[in-house]
PDB file of N, CA and C in Angstrom:
ATOM      1  N   MET A   1      79.429 219.720   5.710  1.00  0.00           N
ATOM      2  CA  MET A   1      78.305 219.824   6.160  1.00  0.00           C
ATOM      3  C   MET A   1      77.102 219.039   4.974  1.00  0.00           C
ATOM      4  N   THR A   2      75.958 218.639   5.422  1.00  0.00           N
ATOM      5  CA  THR A   2      75.121 217.763   4.889  1.00  0.00           C
ATOM      6  C   THR A   2      73.796 218.557   4.233  1.00  0.00           C
ATOM      7  N   ALA A   3      73.057 217.989   3.460  1.00  0.00           N
ATOM      8  CA  ALA A   3      71.993 218.865   3.079  1.00  0.00           C
ATOM      9  C   ALA A   3      70.619 217.832   3.217  1.00  0.00           C
ATOM     10  N   ASN A   4      69.694 218.567   4.203  1.00  0.00           N
ATOM     11  CA  ASN A   4      68.800 218.251   4.765  1.00  0.00           C
ATOM     12  C   ASN A   4      67.561 218.804   3.988  1.00  0.00           C
ATOM     13  N   THR A   5      66.629 217.962   3.901  1.00  0.00           N
ATOM     14  CA  THR A   5      65.099 218.231   2.895  1.00  0.00           C
ATOM     15  C   THR A   5      64.212 218.762   3.686  1.00  0.00           C
ATOM     16  N   ILE A   6      63.798 220.114   3.658  1.00  0.00           N
ATOM     17  CA  ILE A   6      62.229 220.238   4.438  1.00  0.00           C
ATOM     18  C   ILE A   6      61.283 220.465   2.974  1.00  0.00           C
ATOM     19  N   GLU A   7      60.319 219.689   3.368  1.00  0.00           N
ATOM     20  CA  GLU A   7      58.945 219.949   2.797  1.00  0.00           C
ATOM     21  C   GLU A   7      57.814 220.096   3.623  1.00  0.00           C
ATOM     22  N   ARG A   8      57.028 221.285   3.141  1.00  0.00           N
ATOM     23  CA  ARG A   8      56.090 221.743   3.926  1.00  0.00           C
ATOM     24  C   ARG A   8      55.199 221.772   3.055  1.00  0.00           C
ATOM     25  N   GLN A   9      53.697 221.266   3.397  1.00  0.00           N
ATOM     26  CA  GLN A   9      52.608 221.303   3.271  1.00  0.00           C
ATOM     27  C   GLN A   9      51.742 221.955   3.988  1.00  0.00           C
ATOM     28  N   SER A  10      51.026 222.638   4.013  1.00  0.00           N
ATOM     29  CA  SER A  10      49.913 223.036   4.793  1.00  0.00           C
ATOM     30  C   SER A  10      50.862 222.913   6.141  1.00  0.00           C
ATOM     31  N   GLY A  11      50.011 222.436   7.453  1.00  0.00           N
ATOM     32  CA  GLY A  11      50.521 222.538   8.377  1.00  0.00           C
ATOM     33  C   GLY A  11      51.331 220.863   9.097  1.00  0.00           C
ATOM     34  N   LEU A  12      51.699 220.280   7.792  1.00  0.00           N
ATOM     35  CA  LEU A  12      52.949 219.526   7.776  1.00  0.00           C
ATOM     36  C   LEU A  12      53.978 219.700   7.332  1.00  0.00           C
ATOM     37  N   CYS A  13      55.080 219.514   8.233  1.00  0.00           N
ATOM     38  CA  CYS A  13      56.782 219.644   7.868  1.00  0.00           C
ATOM     39  C   CYS A  13      57.404 218.128   7.627  1.00  0.00           C
ATOM     40  N   ARG A  14      58.134 217.751   6.853  1.00  0.00           N
ATOM     41  CA  ARG A  14      58.483 216.671   6.783  1.00  0.00           C
ATOM     42  C   ARG A  14      60.238 217.084   6.399  1.00  0.00           C
ATOM     43  N   VAL A  15      61.004 216.647   7.466  1.00  0.00           N
ATOM     44  CA  VAL A  15      62.275 216.768   7.484  1.00  0.00           C
ATOM     45  C   VAL A  15      63.111 215.433   7.282  1.00  0.00           C
ATOM     46  N   ARG A  16      63.821 215.642   5.804  1.00  0.00           N
ATOM     47  CA  ARG A  16      64.614 214.424   5.434  1.00  0.00           C
ATOM     48  C   ARG A  16      66.224 214.709   5.961  1.00  0.00           C
ATOM     49  N   LEU A  17      66.205 214.105   7.128  1.00  0.00           N
ATOM     50  CA  LEU A  17      67.874 214.175   7.485  1.00  0.00           C
ATOM     51  C   LEU A  17      68.482 213.354   6.578  1.00  0.00           C
ATOM     52  N   ASP A  18      69.887 213.913   6.213  1.00  0.00           N
ATOM     53  CA  ASP A  18      70.736 213.682   5.268  1.00  0.00           C
ATOM     54  C   ASP A  18      72.023 213.419   6.021  1.00  0.00           C
ATOM     55  N   GLY A  19      72.415 212.174   6.258  1.00  0.00           N
ATOM     56  CA  GLY A  19      73.509 211.748   7.438  1.00  0.00           C
ATOM     57  C   GLY A  19      73.035 211.457   8.813  1.00  0.00           C
ATOM     58  N   ASP A  20      74.071 211.331   9.643  1.00  0.00           N
ATOM     59  CA  ASP A  20      74.244 210.627  10.934  1.00  0.00           C
ATOM     60  C   ASP A  20      73.243 211.742  12.071  1.00  0.00           C
ATOM     61  N   LEU A  21      72.829 211.463  12.976  1.00  0.00           N
ATOM     62  CA  LEU A  21      72.136 212.166  13.952  1.00  0.00           C
ATOM     63  C   LEU A  21      73.102 212.119  15.161  1.00  0.00           C
ATOM     64  N   THR A  22      74.650 212.734  15.209  1.00  0.00           N
ATOM     65  CA  THR A  22      75.239 212.718  16.189  1.00  0.00           C
ATOM     66  C   THR A  22      75.391 214.326  16.564  1.00  0.00           C
ATOM     67  N   ALA A  23      76.626 214.215  17.729  1.00  0.00           N
ATOM     68  CA  ALA A  23      76.451 215.492  18.327  1.00  0.00           C
ATOM     69  C   ALA A  23      77.379 216.446  17.173  1.00  0.00           C
ATOM     70  N   SER A  24      78.372 216.145  16.563  1.00  0.00           N
ATOM     71  CA  SER A  24      78.740 217.198  15.658  1.00  0.00           C
ATOM     72  C   SER A  24      77.545 217.661  14.694  1.00  0.00           C
ATOM     73  N   ARG A  25      76.738 217.145  14.564  1.00  0.00           N
ATOM     74  CA  ARG A  25      75.427 217.648  13.706  1.00  0.00           C
ATOM     75  C   ARG A  25      74.210 218.387  14.425  1.00  0.00           C
ATOM     76  N   VAL A  26      74.261 218.236  15.943  1.00  0.00           N
ATOM     77  CA  VAL A  26      73.128 218.641  16.809  1.00  0.00           C
ATOM     78  C   VAL A  26      72.980 220.081  16.611  1.00  0.00           C
ATOM     79  N   PRO A  27      73.964 221.046  16.561  1.00  0.00           N
ATOM     80  CA  PRO A  27      73.778 222.491  16.602  1.00  0.00           C
ATOM     81  C   PRO A  27      73.045 222.758  15.173  1.00  0.00           C
ATOM     82  N   GLU A  28      73.338 222.409  14.286  1.00  0.00           N
ATOM     83  CA  GLU A  28      72.985 222.723  12.707  1.00  0.00           C
ATOM     84  C   GLU A  28      71.506 222.092  12.593  1.00  0.00           C
ATOM     85  N   LEU A  29      71.129 221.059  13.020  1.00  0.00           N
ATOM     86  CA  LEU A  29      70.016 220.270  13.066  1.00  0.00           C
ATOM     87  C   LEU A  29      68.914 221.150  14.090  1.00  0.00           C
ATOM     88  N   GLN A  30      69.492 221.355  15.463  1.00  0.00           N
ATOM     89  CA  GLN A  30      68.963 222.209  16.291  1.00  0.00           C
ATOM     90  C   GLN A  30      68.380 223.381  15.495  1.00  0.00           C
ATOM     91  N   ALA A  31      69.034 224.300  15.157  1.00  0.00           N
ATOM     92  CA  ALA A  31      68.899 225.728  14.291  1.00  0.00           C
ATOM     93  C   ALA A  31      67.615 225.561  13.073  1.00  0.00           C
ATOM     94  N   LEU A  32      67.830 224.345  12.458  1.00  0.00           N
ATOM     95  CA  LEU A  32      67.021 224.064  11.311  1.00  0.00           C
ATOM     96  C   LEU A  32      65.484 223.706  11.950  1.00  0.00           C
ATOM     97  N   LEU A  33      65.433 222.812  12.984  1.00  0.00           N
ATOM     98  CA  LEU A  33      64.311 222.697  13.475  1.00  0.00           C
ATOM     99  C   LEU A  33      63.763 223.667  14.077  1.00  0.00           C
ATOM    100  N   LYS A  34      64.319 224.504  14.795  1.00  0.00           N
ATOM    101  CA  LYS A  34      64.132 225.906  15.527  1.00  0.00           C
ATOM    102  C   LYS A  34      63.416 226.717  14.629  1.00  0.00           C
ATOM    103  N   ARG A  35      63.817 226.616  13.248  1.00  0.00           N
ATOM    104  CA  ARG A  35      63.141 227.837  11.988  1.00  0.00           C
ATOM    105  C   ARG A  35      62.154 227.100  11.793  1.00  0.00           C
ATOM    106  N   GLU A  36      62.089 225.827  11.389  1.00  0.00           N
ATOM    107  CA  GLU A  36      60.602 225.129  11.417  1.00  0.00           C
ATOM    108  C   GLU A  36      59.418 225.217  12.306  1.00  0.00           C
ATOM    109  N   LEU A  37      60.054 225.381  13.397  1.00  0.00           N
ATOM    110  CA  LEU A  37      59.103 225.442  14.688  1.00  0.00           C
ATOM    111  C   LEU A  37      58.256 226.806  15.019  1.00  0.00           C
ATOM    112  N   ASP A  38      59.139 227.618  14.267  1.00  0.00           N
ATOM    113  CA  ASP A  38      58.724 229.050  14.646  1.00  0.00           C
ATOM    114  C   ASP A  38      57.786 229.058  13.377  1.00  0.00           C
ATOM    115  N   GLN A  39      57.266 228.445  12.330  1.00  0.00           N
ATOM    116  CA  GLN A  39      56.113 228.264  11.723  1.00  0.00           C
ATOM    117  C   GLN A  39      55.023 227.504  11.927  1.00  0.00           C
ATOM    118  N   PRO A  40      53.813 227.983  12.049  1.00  0.00           N
ATOM    119  CA  PRO A  40      52.548 226.824  12.337  1.00  0.00           C
ATOM    120  C   PRO A  40      52.725 225.711  11.886  1.00  0.00           C
ATOM    121  N   ILE A  41      52.301 224.793  12.959  1.00  0.00           N
ATOM    122  CA  ILE A  41      52.514 223.281  12.586  1.00  0.00           C
ATOM    123  C   ILE A  41      51.649 222.112  13.430  1.00  0.00           C
ATOM    124  N   GLU A  42      51.270 221.179  12.252  1.00  0.00           N
ATOM    125  CA  GLU A  42      50.014 220.409  12.876  1.00  0.00           C
ATOM    126  C   GLU A  42      50.900 218.792  12.894  1.00  0.00           C
ATOM    127  N   GLU A  43      51.859 218.603  12.318  1.00  0.00           N
ATOM    128  CA  GLU A  43      52.374 217.667  12.190  1.00  0.00           C
ATOM    129  C   GLU A  43      54.132 217.817  11.666  1.00  0.00           C
ATOM    130  N   MET A  44      54.844 217.267  12.531  1.00  0.00           N
ATOM    131  CA  MET A  44      56.419 217.078  12.072  1.00  0.00           C
ATOM    132  C   MET A  44      56.783 215.656  11.525  1.00  0.00           C
ATOM    133  N   VAL A  45      57.233 215.152  10.733  1.00  0.00           N
ATOM    134  CA  VAL A  45      57.568 214.000  10.397  1.00  0.00           C
ATOM    135  C   VAL A  45      59.373 214.276   9.891  1.00  0.00           C
ATOM    136  N   VAL A  46      59.797 213.039  10.704  1.00  0.00           N
ATOM    137  CA  VAL A  46      61.421 213.437  10.538  1.00  0.00           C
ATOM    138  C   VAL A  46      61.524 211.883  10.009  1.00  0.00           C
ATOM    139  N   ASP A  47      62.233 212.128   8.474  1.00  0.00           N
ATOM    140  CA  ASP A  47      62.753 210.790   7.823  1.00  0.00           C
ATOM    141  C   ASP A  47      63.662 210.467   8.113  1.00  0.00           C
ATOM    142  N   MET A  48      64.283 209.570   8.700  1.00  0.00           N
ATOM    143  CA  MET A  48      65.535 209.044   9.134  1.00  0.00           C
ATOM    144  C   MET A  48      65.864 208.235   8.027  1.00  0.00           C
ATOM    145  N   THR A  49      65.615 208.172   6.505  1.00  0.00           N
ATOM    146  CA  THR A  49      66.097 207.240   5.425  1.00  0.00           C
ATOM    147  C   THR A  49      67.495 207.403   5.427  1.00  0.00           C
ATOM    148  N   GLY A  50      68.278 208.293   5.303  1.00  0.00           N
ATOM    149  CA  GLY A  50      69.849 208.938   5.167  1.00  0.00           C
ATOM    150  C   GLY A  50      70.458 208.835   6.246  1.00  0.00           C
ATOM    151  N   THR A  51      69.686 207.955   7.473  1.00  0.00           N
ATOM    152  CA  THR A  51      70.712 208.448   8.772  1.00  0.00           C
ATOM    153  C   THR A  51      70.790 206.864   8.987  1.00  0.00           C
ATOM    154  N   ALA A  52      72.416 206.345   9.461  1.00  0.00           N
ATOM    155  CA  ALA A  52      72.802 205.301   9.765  1.00  0.00           C
ATOM    156  C   ALA A  52      73.025 205.562  11.066  1.00  0.00           C
ATOM    157  N   MET A  53      73.138 206.617  11.687  1.00  0.00           N
ATOM    158  CA  MET A  53      73.731 206.246  13.119  1.00  0.00           C
ATOM    159  C   MET A  53      73.104 207.401  13.980  1.00  0.00           C
ATOM    160  N   LEU A  54      73.112 207.017  15.418  1.00  0.00           N
ATOM    161  CA  LEU A  54      72.372 207.992  16.291  1.00  0.00           C
ATOM    162  C   LEU A  54      72.919 208.123  17.639  1.00  0.00           C
ATOM    163  N   ASP A  55      73.371 209.268  17.849  1.00  0.00           N
ATOM    164  CA  ASP A  55      73.646 209.001  19.623  1.00  0.00           C
ATOM    165  C   ASP A  55      73.150 209.586  20.417  1.00  0.00           C
ATOM    166  N   SER A  56      73.500 210.053  21.908  1.00  0.00           N
ATOM    167  CA  SER A  56      72.752 210.233  22.938  1.00  0.00           C
ATOM    168  C   SER A  56      72.553 211.825  22.524  1.00  0.00           C
ATOM    169  N   SER A  57      73.171 212.464  22.001  1.00  0.00           N
ATOM    170  CA  SER A  57      73.004 213.634  21.349  1.00  0.00           C
ATOM    171  C   SER A  57      71.795 213.892  20.531  1.00  0.00           C
ATOM    172  N   GLY A  58      71.710 212.993  19.757  1.00  0.00           N
ATOM    173  CA  GLY A  58      70.632 213.149  18.520  1.00  0.00           C
ATOM    174  C   GLY A  58      69.510 213.118  19.179  1.00  0.00           C
ATOM    175  N   ILE A  59      69.500 212.032  20.268  1.00  0.00           N
ATOM    176  CA  ILE A  59      67.997 211.242  21.079  1.00  0.00           C
ATOM    177  C   ILE A  59      67.777 212.649  21.618  1.00  0.00           C
ATOM    178  N   GLY A  60      68.606 213.272  22.526  1.00  0.00           N
ATOM    179  CA  GLY A  60      68.125 214.293  22.972  1.00  0.00           C
ATOM    180  C   GLY A  60      67.411 215.502  21.834  1.00  0.00           C
ATOM    181  N   LEU A  61      67.950 215.668  21.011  1.00  0.00           N
ATOM    182  CA  LEU A  61      67.314 216.631  19.991  1.00  0.00           C
ATOM    183  C   LEU A  61      65.955 216.138  19.281  1.00  0.00           C
ATOM    184  N   LEU A  62      65.847 214.643  19.444  1.00  0.00           N
ATOM    185  CA  LEU A  62      64.171 214.506  18.754  1.00  0.00           C
ATOM    186  C   LEU A  62      63.439 214.614  20.232  1.00  0.00           C
ATOM    187  N   ILE A  63      64.146 214.041  20.927  1.00  0.00           N
ATOM    188  CA  ILE A  63      62.857 214.391  22.191  1.00  0.00           C
ATOM    189  C   ILE A  63      62.510 216.049  22.399  1.00  0.00           C
ATOM    190  N   ALA A  64      63.504 216.556  22.287  1.00  0.00           N
ATOM    191  CA  ALA A  64      63.016 218.252  22.504  1.00  0.00           C
ATOM    192  C   ALA A  64      62.487 218.495  21.595  1.00  0.00           C
ATOM    193  N   THR A  65      62.776 218.263  20.143  1.00  0.00           N
ATOM    194  CA  THR A  65      61.671 218.467  19.018  1.00  0.00           C
ATOM    195  C   THR A  65      60.348 218.011  19.273  1.00  0.00           C
ATOM    196  N   PHE A  66      60.212 216.608  19.923  1.00  0.00           N
ATOM    197  CA  PHE A  66      59.131 216.036  20.017  1.00  0.00           C
ATOM    198  C   PHE A  66      58.059 216.750  20.967  1.00  0.00           C
ATOM    199  N   ASN A  67      58.942 217.343  22.108  1.00  0.00           N
ATOM    200  CA  ASN A  67      58.223 218.048  23.365  1.00  0.00           C
ATOM    201  C   ASN A  67      58.004 219.419  22.443  1.00  0.00           C
ATOM    202  N   SER A  68      58.613 220.240  21.965  1.00  0.00           N
ATOM    203  CA  SER A  68      58.252 221.470  21.301  1.00  0.00           C
ATOM    204  C   SER A  68      56.988 221.228  20.286  1.00  0.00           C
ATOM    205  N   VAL A  69      57.096 220.278  19.403  1.00  0.00           N
ATOM    206  CA  VAL A  69      55.780 220.071  18.560  1.00  0.00           C
ATOM    207  C   VAL A  69      54.640 220.260  19.399  1.00  0.00           C
ATOM    208  N   GLY A  70      54.607 219.288  20.406  1.00  0.00           N
ATOM    209  CA  GLY A  70      53.722 218.977  21.161  1.00  0.00           C
ATOM    210  C   GLY A  70      53.098 220.206  22.189  1.00  0.00           C
ATOM    211  N   ARG A  71      54.002 220.719  22.446  1.00  0.00           N
ATOM    212  CA  ARG A  71      53.480 222.297  23.165  1.00  0.00           C
ATOM    213  C   ARG A  71      52.692 222.927  22.384  1.00  0.00           C
ATOM    214  N   LYS A  72      53.173 222.948  20.881  1.00  0.00           N
ATOM    215  CA  LYS A  72      52.351 223.763  19.940  1.00  0.00           C
ATOM    216  C   LYS A  72      50.885 222.855  19.356  1.00  0.00           C
ATOM    217  N   GLY A  73      50.747 221.725  20.026  1.00  0.00           N
ATOM    218  CA  GLY A  73      49.375 220.896  19.756  1.00  0.00           C
ATOM    219  C   GLY A  73      49.323 220.311  18.556  1.00  0.00           C
ATOM    220  N   GLY A  74      50.673 219.779  17.839  1.00  0.00           N
ATOM    221  CA  GLY A  74      51.185 219.346  16.891  1.00  0.00           C
ATOM    222  C   GLY A  74      51.508 217.621  17.566  1.00  0.00           C
ATOM    223  N   ARG A  75      51.520 216.891  15.892  1.00  0.00           N
ATOM    224  CA  ARG A  75      51.894 215.536  16.339  1.00  0.00           C
ATOM    225  C   ARG A  75      53.163 215.668  15.566  1.00  0.00           C
ATOM    226  N   PHE A  76      53.831 214.731  16.199  1.00  0.00           N
ATOM    227  CA  PHE A  76      55.534 214.314  15.689  1.00  0.00           C
ATOM    228  C   PHE A  76      55.608 212.565  15.587  1.00  0.00           C
ATOM    229  N   ARG A  77      56.326 212.044  14.290  1.00  0.00           N
ATOM    230  CA  ARG A  77      56.848 211.104  13.998  1.00  0.00           C
ATOM    231  C   ARG A  77      58.289 211.202  13.275  1.00  0.00           C
ATOM    232  N   ILE A  78      58.480 209.816  14.105  1.00  0.00           N
ATOM    233  CA  ILE A  78      59.738 209.365  13.045  1.00  0.00           C
ATOM    234  C   ILE A  78      59.829 208.424  11.998  1.00  0.00           C
ATOM    235  N   VAL A  79      59.996 208.466  10.993  1.00  0.00           N
ATOM    236  CA  VAL A  79      59.883 207.340   9.940  1.00  0.00           C
ATOM    237  C   VAL A  79      61.151 206.410   9.134  1.00  0.00           C
ATOM    238  N   ASN A  80      61.186 205.536   8.849  1.00  0.00           N
ATOM    239  CA  ASN A  80      62.306 204.659   8.207  1.00  0.00           C
ATOM    240  C   ASN A  80      63.685 204.837   8.829  1.00  0.00           C
ATOM    241  N   ALA A  81      63.293 204.360  10.092  1.00  0.00           N
ATOM    242  CA  ALA A  81      64.358 204.254  11.176  1.00  0.00           C
ATOM    243  C   ALA A  81      65.117 203.153  10.694  1.00  0.00           C
ATOM    244  N   ALA A  82      66.437 203.136  10.562  1.00  0.00           N
ATOM    245  CA  ALA A  82      67.000 201.945   9.900  1.00  0.00           C
ATOM    246  C   ALA A  82      67.121 200.816  11.485  1.00  0.00           C
ATOM    247  N   PRO A  83      67.344 199.349  10.914  1.00  0.00           N
ATOM    248  CA  PRO A  83      66.988 198.569  11.987  1.00  0.00           C
ATOM    249  C   PRO A  83      67.624 198.714  13.242  1.00  0.00           C
ATOM    250  N   PRO A  84      69.205 199.305  13.293  1.00  0.00           N
ATOM    251  CA  PRO A  84      70.017 199.835  14.633  1.00  0.00           C
ATOM    252  C   PRO A  84      69.257 200.713  15.252  1.00  0.00           C
ATOM    253  N   ILE A  85      68.843 201.630  14.617  1.00  0.00           N
ATOM    254  CA  ILE A  85      68.272 203.173  15.298  1.00  0.00           C
ATOM    255  C   ILE A  85      66.941 202.804  15.513  1.00  0.00           C
ATOM    256  N   PHE A  86      66.219 201.867  15.123  1.00  0.00           N
ATOM    257  CA  PHE A  86      64.676 201.267  15.796  1.00  0.00           C
ATOM    258  C   PHE A  86      65.366 200.677  17.086  1.00  0.00           C
ATOM    259  N   GLN A  87      66.003 199.482  17.115  1.00  0.00           N
ATOM    260  CA  GLN A  87      66.177 198.863  18.064  1.00  0.00           C
ATOM    261  C   GLN A  87      66.764 199.688  19.277  1.00  0.00           C
ATOM    262  N   LEU A  88      67.976 200.587  18.804  1.00  0.00           N
ATOM    263  CA  LEU A  88      68.086 201.412  20.006  1.00  0.00           C
ATOM    264  C   LEU A  88      67.074 202.643  21.002  1.00  0.00           C
ATOM    265  N   LEU A  89      66.082 202.840  19.824  1.00  0.00           N
ATOM    266  CA  LEU A  89      65.066 203.508  20.366  1.00  0.00           C
ATOM    267  C   LEU A  89      64.064 202.345  21.097  1.00  0.00           C
ATOM    268  N   GLN A  90      64.144 201.241  20.483  1.00  0.00           N
ATOM    269  CA  GLN A  90      63.036 200.354  21.387  1.00  0.00           C
ATOM    270  C   GLN A  90      63.831 199.866  22.716  1.00  0.00           C
ATOM    271  N   SER A  91      64.849 199.796  22.628  1.00  0.00           N
ATOM    272  CA  SER A  91      65.568 199.287  24.103  1.00  0.00           C
ATOM    273  C   SER A  91      65.159 200.558  24.877  1.00  0.00           C
ATOM    274  N   MET A  92      65.115 202.008  24.531  1.00  0.00           N
ATOM    275  CA  MET A  92      65.140 202.830  25.577  1.00  0.00           C
ATOM    276  C   MET A  92      63.593 203.275  25.815  1.00  0.00           C
ATOM    277  N   ARG A  93      62.917 202.680  25.410  1.00  0.00           N
ATOM    278  CA  ARG A  93      61.069 202.491  25.363  1.00  0.00           C
ATOM    279  C   ARG A  93      60.917 203.935  24.658  1.00  0.00           C
ATOM    280  N   LEU A  94      61.260 204.292  23.579  1.00  0.00           N
ATOM    281  CA  LEU A  94      61.130 205.674  22.911  1.00  0.00           C
ATOM    282  C   LEU A  94      60.077 205.602  21.806  1.00  0.00           C
ATOM    283  N   VAL A  95      60.057 204.184  21.562  1.00  0.00           N
ATOM    284  CA  VAL A  95      59.530 203.888  19.791  1.00  0.00           C
ATOM    285  C   VAL A  95      58.083 204.630  19.692  1.00  0.00           C
ATOM    286  N   ASN A  96      57.414 204.086  21.325  1.00  0.00           N
ATOM    287  CA  ASN A  96      55.864 204.543  21.027  1.00  0.00           C
ATOM    288  C   ASN A  96      55.712 206.097  21.512  1.00  0.00           C
ATOM    289  N   ARG A  97      56.450 206.534  22.463  1.00  0.00           N
ATOM    290  CA  ARG A  97      56.304 207.939  23.103  1.00  0.00           C
ATOM    291  C   ARG A  97      56.792 208.811  21.687  1.00  0.00           C
ATOM    292  N   LEU A  98      57.651 208.447  20.890  1.00  0.00           N
ATOM    293  CA  LEU A  98      58.027 209.532  19.628  1.00  0.00           C
ATOM    294  C   LEU A  98      57.583 209.076  18.534  1.00  0.00           C
ATOM    295  N   ASN A  99      56.573 207.847  18.214  1.00  0.00           N
ATOM    296  CA  ASN A  99      55.930 207.504  17.341  1.00  0.00           C
ATOM    297  C   ASN A  99      57.063 207.132  15.830  1.00  0.00           C
ATOM    298  N   VAL A 100      57.743 206.109  16.517  1.00  0.00           N
ATOM    299  CA  VAL A 100      58.804 205.650  15.175  1.00  0.00           C
ATOM    300  C   VAL A 100      58.447 204.501  14.763  1.00  0.00           C
ATOM    301  N   SER A 101      58.561 204.591  12.959  1.00  0.00           N
ATOM    302  CA  SER A 101      58.321 203.282  12.346  1.00  0.00           C
ATOM    303  C   SER A 101      59.621 202.927  11.687  1.00  0.00           C
ATOM    304  N   GLY A 102      60.017 201.816  11.629  1.00  0.00           N
ATOM    305  CA  GLY A 102      61.270 201.658  10.886  1.00  0.00           C
ATOM    306  C   GLY A 102      61.258 201.178   9.384  1.00  0.00           C
ATOM    307  N   THR A 103      62.289 200.881   8.734  1.00  0.00           N
ATOM    308  CA  THR A 103      62.306 200.612   7.286  1.00  0.00           C
ATOM    309  C   THR A 103      61.709 199.258   7.432  1.00  0.00           C
ATOM    310  N   SER A 104      60.811 198.851   6.106  1.00  0.00           N
ATOM    311  CA  SER A 104      60.340 197.739   5.904  1.00  0.00           C
ATOM    312  C   SER A 104      60.815 196.184   6.629  1.00  0.00           C
ATOM    313  N   ASP A 105      62.182 196.104   6.654  1.00  0.00           N
ATOM    314  CA  ASP A 105      62.931 195.112   7.355  1.00  0.00           C
ATOM    315  C   ASP A 105      63.099 195.279   8.683  1.00  0.00           C
ATOM    316  N   VAL A 106      62.454 195.839   9.450  1.00  0.00           N
ATOM    317  CA  VAL A 106      62.410 196.133  10.940  1.00  0.00           C
ATOM    318  C   VAL A 106      61.271 195.328  11.357  1.00  0.00           C
ATOM    319  N   GLU A 107      61.846 194.218  12.220  1.00  0.00           N
ATOM    320  CA  GLU A 107      60.711 193.583  12.981  1.00  0.00           C
ATOM    321  C   GLU A 107      59.843 194.424  14.511  1.00  0.00           C
ATOM    322  N   VAL A 108      58.851 194.465  14.532  1.00  0.00           N
ATOM    323  CA  VAL A 108      58.342 195.475  15.952  1.00  0.00           C
ATOM    324  C   VAL A 108      57.564 194.463  16.423  1.00  0.00           C
ATOM    325  N   THR A 109      58.286 194.168  17.860  1.00  0.00           N
ATOM    326  CA  THR A 109      58.062 193.776  19.178  1.00  0.00           C
ATOM    327  C   THR A 109      57.903 194.628  20.052  1.00  0.00           C
ATOM    328  N   HIS A 110      56.796 194.523  20.979  1.00  0.00           N
ATOM    329  CA  HIS A 110      56.418 195.513  21.853  1.00  0.00           C
ATOM    330  C   HIS A 110      56.683 194.480  23.084  1.00  0.00           C
ATOM    331  N   GLY A 111      56.884 195.241  24.190  1.00  0.00           N
ATOM    332  CA  GLY A 111      56.704 194.391  25.510  1.00  0.00           C
ATOM    333  C   GLY A 111      58.131 194.959  26.477  1.00  0.00           C
TER     334      GLY A 111
END
């Protein structure tokens, strides 16, 4: 099991993932995110600095979390996505929807 970091400040919740976001980790992360969403939230930031791999289950979890935050009237962002993750989300046309920003070496192209 890996250690994820949660930082809360007022209505901001920053979740720093430690490890890959794949099917084997989704249940653990789903429970963690649900606990955070049970509290008042204005913005959730998912920091993917420590994440090198993302699969379809992980993408589903990110979309479900985005939807849950939106239902509560909050904003959702993904930051520090590694180039392969950013490119995967870009190819799926999710970069704008999920408010994804990459690491400094990711070239942002829209189209």
